[in-house]
Amino acid sequence: MASVARLTDEMLERAVIVGFLGTWLCDRSVEAGADFEDVQEPAKLAAIALCYLYLEVRLRRTSRQR
């Protein structure tokens, strides 16, 4: 039960972070003068890459502490 709870927490965290970060990056790009349709997909991909990088750093930090 604990592993399922942790898995759902991780999935929710990733979905919220990727969704928020992708929208934020897209909004900043549009404010800078880019076309919404041109930056929507790259913003999502950048958000996924940044989320993966953050989680990888956090995982390595945790393993180093142990």
N, C-alpha and C. Protein backbone atom coordinates (compact mmCIF):
# COMPACT_ATOMS: atom_id res chain seq x y z
N MET A 1 0.82 -1.18 0.00
CA MET A 1 0.00 0.00 0.00
C MET A 1 0.88 1.27 0.00
N ALA A 2 1.96 1.22 0.73
CA ALA A 2 2.84 2.39 0.80
C ALA A 2 3.49 2.68 -0.55
N SER A 3 3.87 1.62 -1.27
CA SER A 3 4.50 1.85 -2.57
C SER A 3 3.51 2.42 -3.58
N VAL A 4 2.26 2.00 -3.52
CA VAL A 4 1.23 2.55 -4.41
C VAL A 4 0.98 4.01 -4.07
N ALA A 5 0.95 4.33 -2.80
CA ALA A 5 0.75 5.73 -2.38
C ALA A 5 1.91 6.60 -2.85
N ARG A 6 3.11 6.10 -2.73
CA ARG A 6 4.28 6.87 -3.18
C ARG A 6 4.27 7.05 -4.69
N LEU A 7 3.90 5.99 -5.42
CA LEU A 7 3.83 6.06 -6.88
C LEU A 7 2.80 7.09 -7.32
N THR A 8 1.64 7.10 -6.71
CA THR A 8 0.62 8.07 -7.09
C THR A 8 1.05 9.49 -6.75
N ASP A 9 1.73 9.66 -5.63
CA ASP A 9 2.26 10.99 -5.29
C ASP A 9 3.27 11.46 -6.32
N GLU A 10 4.17 10.57 -6.74
CA GLU A 10 5.17 10.92 -7.75
C GLU A 10 4.51 11.28 -9.08
N MET A 11 3.51 10.51 -9.48
CA MET A 11 2.84 10.77 -10.75
C MET A 11 2.09 12.10 -10.70
N LEU A 12 1.43 12.39 -9.60
CA LEU A 12 0.73 13.65 -9.45
C LEU A 12 1.71 14.81 -9.46
N GLU A 13 2.80 14.65 -8.74
CA GLU A 13 3.82 15.71 -8.70
C GLU A 13 4.38 15.99 -10.09
N ARG A 14 4.68 14.96 -10.83
CA ARG A 14 5.21 15.14 -12.18
C ARG A 14 4.19 15.79 -13.10
N ALA A 15 2.95 15.37 -13.01
CA ALA A 15 1.91 15.94 -13.86
C ALA A 15 1.70 17.42 -13.56
N VAL A 16 1.69 17.77 -12.29
CA VAL A 16 1.48 19.16 -11.90
C VAL A 16 2.68 20.00 -12.32
N ILE A 17 3.87 19.50 -12.06
CA ILE A 17 5.09 20.26 -12.40
C ILE A 17 5.20 20.45 -13.90
N VAL A 18 5.03 19.38 -14.67
CA VAL A 18 5.16 19.48 -16.12
C VAL A 18 4.07 20.38 -16.70
N GLY A 19 2.84 20.22 -16.23
CA GLY A 19 1.75 21.05 -16.72
C GLY A 19 1.95 22.53 -16.42
N PHE A 20 2.29 22.82 -15.18
CA PHE A 20 2.51 24.22 -14.78
C PHE A 20 3.71 24.82 -15.50
N LEU A 21 4.81 24.09 -15.53
CA LEU A 21 6.03 24.61 -16.14
C LEU A 21 5.87 24.80 -17.64
N GLY A 22 5.19 23.87 -18.30
CA GLY A 22 4.95 24.01 -19.73
C GLY A 22 4.09 25.22 -20.05
N THR A 23 3.04 25.42 -19.27
CA THR A 23 2.18 26.59 -19.46
C THR A 23 2.93 27.87 -19.17
N TRP A 24 3.74 27.86 -18.13
CA TRP A 24 4.49 29.06 -17.76
C TRP A 24 5.49 29.43 -18.85
N LEU A 25 6.23 28.43 -19.35
CA LEU A 25 7.19 28.69 -20.42
C LEU A 25 6.50 29.19 -21.68
N CYS A 26 5.38 28.63 -22.01
CA CYS A 26 4.62 29.05 -23.19
C CYS A 26 4.15 30.49 -23.02
N ASP A 27 3.62 30.83 -21.85
CA ASP A 27 3.16 32.20 -21.58
C ASP A 27 4.29 33.20 -21.67
N ARG A 28 5.45 32.87 -21.10
CA ARG A 28 6.58 33.78 -21.17
C ARG A 28 7.04 33.98 -22.61
N SER A 29 7.01 32.93 -23.41
CA SER A 29 7.41 33.04 -24.81
C SER A 29 6.44 33.91 -25.60
N VAL A 30 5.15 33.76 -25.33
CA VAL A 30 4.15 34.58 -26.01
C VAL A 30 4.30 36.04 -25.60
N GLU A 31 4.57 36.27 -24.32
CA GLU A 31 4.80 37.64 -23.86
C GLU A 31 6.03 38.25 -24.52
N ALA A 32 7.00 37.43 -24.86
CA ALA A 32 8.21 37.92 -25.51
C ALA A 32 8.00 38.16 -27.01
N GLY A 33 6.83 37.78 -27.53
CA GLY A 33 6.52 38.08 -28.91
C GLY A 33 6.41 36.89 -29.84
N ALA A 34 6.54 35.69 -29.31
CA ALA A 34 6.44 34.50 -30.16
C ALA A 34 4.97 34.15 -30.41
N ASP A 35 4.72 33.41 -31.45
CA ASP A 35 3.37 32.96 -31.77
C ASP A 35 3.03 31.77 -30.87
N PHE A 36 1.81 31.77 -30.34
CA PHE A 36 1.40 30.73 -29.39
C PHE A 36 1.53 29.33 -29.98
N GLU A 37 1.08 29.15 -31.20
CA GLU A 37 1.10 27.82 -31.81
C GLU A 37 2.52 27.34 -32.11
N ASP A 38 3.44 28.27 -32.29
CA ASP A 38 4.83 27.89 -32.56
C ASP A 38 5.58 27.49 -31.31
N VAL A 39 5.19 27.98 -30.15
CA VAL A 39 5.94 27.71 -28.92
C VAL A 39 5.26 26.72 -27.99
N GLN A 40 4.04 26.34 -28.30
CA GLN A 40 3.31 25.45 -27.39
C GLN A 40 4.00 24.09 -27.25
N GLU A 41 4.33 23.46 -28.35
CA GLU A 41 4.97 22.14 -28.30
C GLU A 41 6.40 22.20 -27.75
N PRO A 42 7.26 23.13 -28.20
CA PRO A 42 8.60 23.21 -27.59
C PRO A 42 8.57 23.53 -26.10
N ALA A 43 7.58 24.29 -25.66
CA ALA A 43 7.49 24.60 -24.22
C ALA A 43 7.17 23.34 -23.43
N LYS A 44 6.32 22.49 -23.96
CA LYS A 44 6.01 21.22 -23.28
C LYS A 44 7.24 20.32 -23.22
N LEU A 45 7.96 20.26 -24.33
CA LEU A 45 9.17 19.43 -24.35
C LEU A 45 10.24 19.96 -23.40
N ALA A 46 10.38 21.27 -23.34
CA ALA A 46 11.35 21.87 -22.41
C ALA A 46 10.93 21.60 -20.97
N ALA A 47 9.64 21.66 -20.69
CA ALA A 47 9.15 21.38 -19.34
C ALA A 47 9.42 19.94 -18.95
N ILE A 48 9.23 19.02 -19.87
CA ILE A 48 9.51 17.62 -19.59
C ILE A 48 10.99 17.41 -19.33
N ALA A 49 11.84 18.04 -20.13
CA ALA A 49 13.28 17.91 -19.95
C ALA A 49 13.72 18.50 -18.61
N LEU A 50 13.18 19.66 -18.25
CA LEU A 50 13.54 20.28 -16.97
C LEU A 50 13.04 19.46 -15.78
N CYS A 51 11.85 18.90 -15.91
CA CYS A 51 11.32 18.05 -14.84
C CYS A 51 12.18 16.80 -14.67
N TYR A 52 12.56 16.19 -15.78
CA TYR A 52 13.42 15.02 -15.72
C TYR A 52 14.76 15.36 -15.08
N LEU A 53 15.34 16.48 -15.45
CA LEU A 53 16.61 16.91 -14.88
C LEU A 53 16.49 17.13 -13.38
N TYR A 54 15.42 17.79 -12.96
CA TYR A 54 15.20 18.03 -11.52
C TYR A 54 15.07 16.71 -10.76
N LEU A 55 14.27 15.79 -11.29
CA LEU A 55 14.08 14.52 -10.60
C LEU A 55 15.35 13.69 -10.58
N GLU A 56 16.14 13.76 -11.63
CA GLU A 56 17.41 13.03 -11.67
C GLU A 56 18.40 13.58 -10.63
N VAL A 57 18.46 14.90 -10.52
CA VAL A 57 19.33 15.52 -9.51
C VAL A 57 18.87 15.14 -8.11
N ARG A 58 17.57 15.17 -7.89
CA ARG A 58 17.04 14.81 -6.58
C ARG A 58 17.31 13.35 -6.25
N LEU A 59 17.19 12.46 -7.23
CA LEU A 59 17.47 11.06 -7.02
C LEU A 59 18.94 10.83 -6.70
N ARG A 60 19.84 11.49 -7.43
CA ARG A 60 21.28 11.33 -7.15
C ARG A 60 21.66 11.89 -5.79
N ARG A 61 21.05 13.00 -5.42
CA ARG A 61 21.33 13.59 -4.12
C ARG A 61 20.89 12.66 -2.99
N THR A 62 19.73 12.05 -3.16
CA THR A 62 19.22 11.11 -2.16
C THR A 62 20.10 9.88 -2.07
N SER A 63 20.53 9.35 -3.20
CA SER A 63 21.39 8.16 -3.17
C SER A 63 22.77 8.49 -2.60
N ARG A 64 23.25 9.69 -2.81
CA ARG A 64 24.54 10.10 -2.26
C ARG A 64 24.47 10.24 -0.73
N GLN A 65 23.34 10.68 -0.23
CA GLN A 65 23.17 10.82 1.21
C GLN A 65 23.10 9.48 1.91
N ARG A 66 22.62 8.48 1.23
CA ARG A 66 22.54 7.14 1.82
C ARG A 66 23.86 6.48 1.70
